[in-house]
Structures are given as C-alpha cells and as structure tokens.
Amino acid sequence: MTTALQCEDRQGVEMMRPEPSMTTTLYDLIWALQTVVPPGEDDAVVSCVASWMHDGRIRAAREVSPL
C-alpha cells in the first residue's frame, strides 16, 4: 500500500464515497508526517495538518479522556 500526502486546496471537490477512517492522536499523526518529510521542513507538516483540519479530514474526538 502506498500512502500519498496531498496538501492542496480541495474546494469544490465532491467526494463520491466515504474514505476509510482511523483513530489516532495528533502527536502520532505529526510524527508519521515528520518521518516522510525532509528534516527542516516543519512548515510543510504544519501546512498539511492545518489543511486537513480545515477540510474536515482530521477531527477531534467527541469525548476526550483526561490524562
């Protein structure tokens, strides 16, 4: 399986079917992105996460358990 990172404006694009989903922490997501982004490109990681949050591809859990 190949994972592709796309950090682009998806405005006006309609999805025909729901995409698979998974549950993870924001920290694990950022760590996974940093493993495929060259060192020093933290802005790219922040841009991807911000874009995904804006597009609704990343959502906060409805209930957050206390630490």
Protein backbone atom coordinates (compact mmCIF):
# COMPACT_ATOMS: atom_id res chain seq x y z
CA MET A 1 0.00 0.00 0.00
CA THR A 2 1.30 3.43 -0.92
CA THR A 3 0.47 6.49 1.12
CA ALA A 4 0.36 9.80 -0.67
CA LEU A 5 0.41 13.13 1.12
CA GLN A 6 -1.68 15.77 -0.57
CA CYS A 7 -1.80 19.23 0.94
CA GLU A 8 -3.84 21.07 -1.61
CA ASP A 9 -6.96 23.15 -1.69
CA ARG A 10 -9.86 20.77 -2.27
CA GLN A 11 -12.53 23.45 -2.51
CA GLY A 12 -15.28 22.50 -4.93
CA VAL A 13 -14.34 18.81 -4.99
CA GLU A 14 -17.16 16.44 -4.11
CA MET A 15 -16.31 13.00 -2.74
CA MET A 16 -18.29 10.15 -4.26
CA ARG A 17 -17.71 7.68 -1.42
CA PRO A 18 -16.54 7.95 2.16
CA GLU A 19 -12.86 7.44 2.71
CA PRO A 20 -11.57 4.90 5.23
CA SER A 21 -11.02 6.30 8.69
CA MET A 22 -8.88 5.51 11.68
CA THR A 23 -8.38 6.87 15.16
CA THR A 24 -5.01 8.14 16.36
CA THR A 25 -3.54 11.01 18.34
CA LEU A 26 -2.49 14.29 16.82
CA TYR A 27 1.02 13.63 18.12
CA ASP A 28 1.20 10.29 16.28
CA LEU A 29 -0.09 11.90 13.09
CA ILE A 30 2.54 14.64 13.25
CA TRP A 31 5.26 12.07 14.00
CA ALA A 32 4.18 9.99 10.98
CA LEU A 33 4.29 13.05 8.73
CA GLN A 34 7.73 14.01 10.02
CA THR A 35 9.09 10.59 9.07
CA VAL A 36 8.35 11.25 5.38
CA VAL A 37 9.12 14.98 5.24
CA PRO A 38 12.78 16.03 4.93
CA PRO A 39 14.41 17.50 8.07
CA GLY A 40 13.88 21.23 8.42
CA GLU A 41 10.56 21.17 6.55
CA ASP A 42 8.39 21.62 9.64
CA ASP A 43 6.34 24.23 7.78
CA ALA A 44 5.19 21.51 5.35
CA VAL A 45 3.99 19.33 8.24
CA VAL A 46 2.11 22.24 9.82
CA SER A 47 0.61 23.13 6.45
CA CYS A 48 -0.63 19.57 5.86
CA VAL A 49 -2.16 19.25 9.32
CA ALA A 50 -3.82 22.68 9.07
CA SER A 51 -5.16 21.88 5.60
CA TRP A 52 -6.53 18.51 6.70
CA MET A 53 -8.18 20.08 9.76
CA HIS A 54 -9.72 22.83 7.64
CA ASP A 55 -11.05 20.27 5.13
CA GLY A 56 -12.52 18.13 7.89
CA ARG A 57 -10.20 15.22 7.17
CA ILE A 58 -8.95 15.42 10.78
CA ARG A 59 -11.49 15.77 13.55
CA ALA A 60 -11.15 15.95 17.31
CA ALA A 61 -12.68 13.13 19.28
CA ARG A 62 -16.11 13.90 20.65
CA GLU A 63 -15.05 12.92 24.13
CA VAL A 64 -11.54 13.44 25.38
CA SER A 65 -10.35 11.27 28.24
CA PRO A 66 -8.41 13.06 30.99
CA LEU A 67 -4.69 12.42 31.27
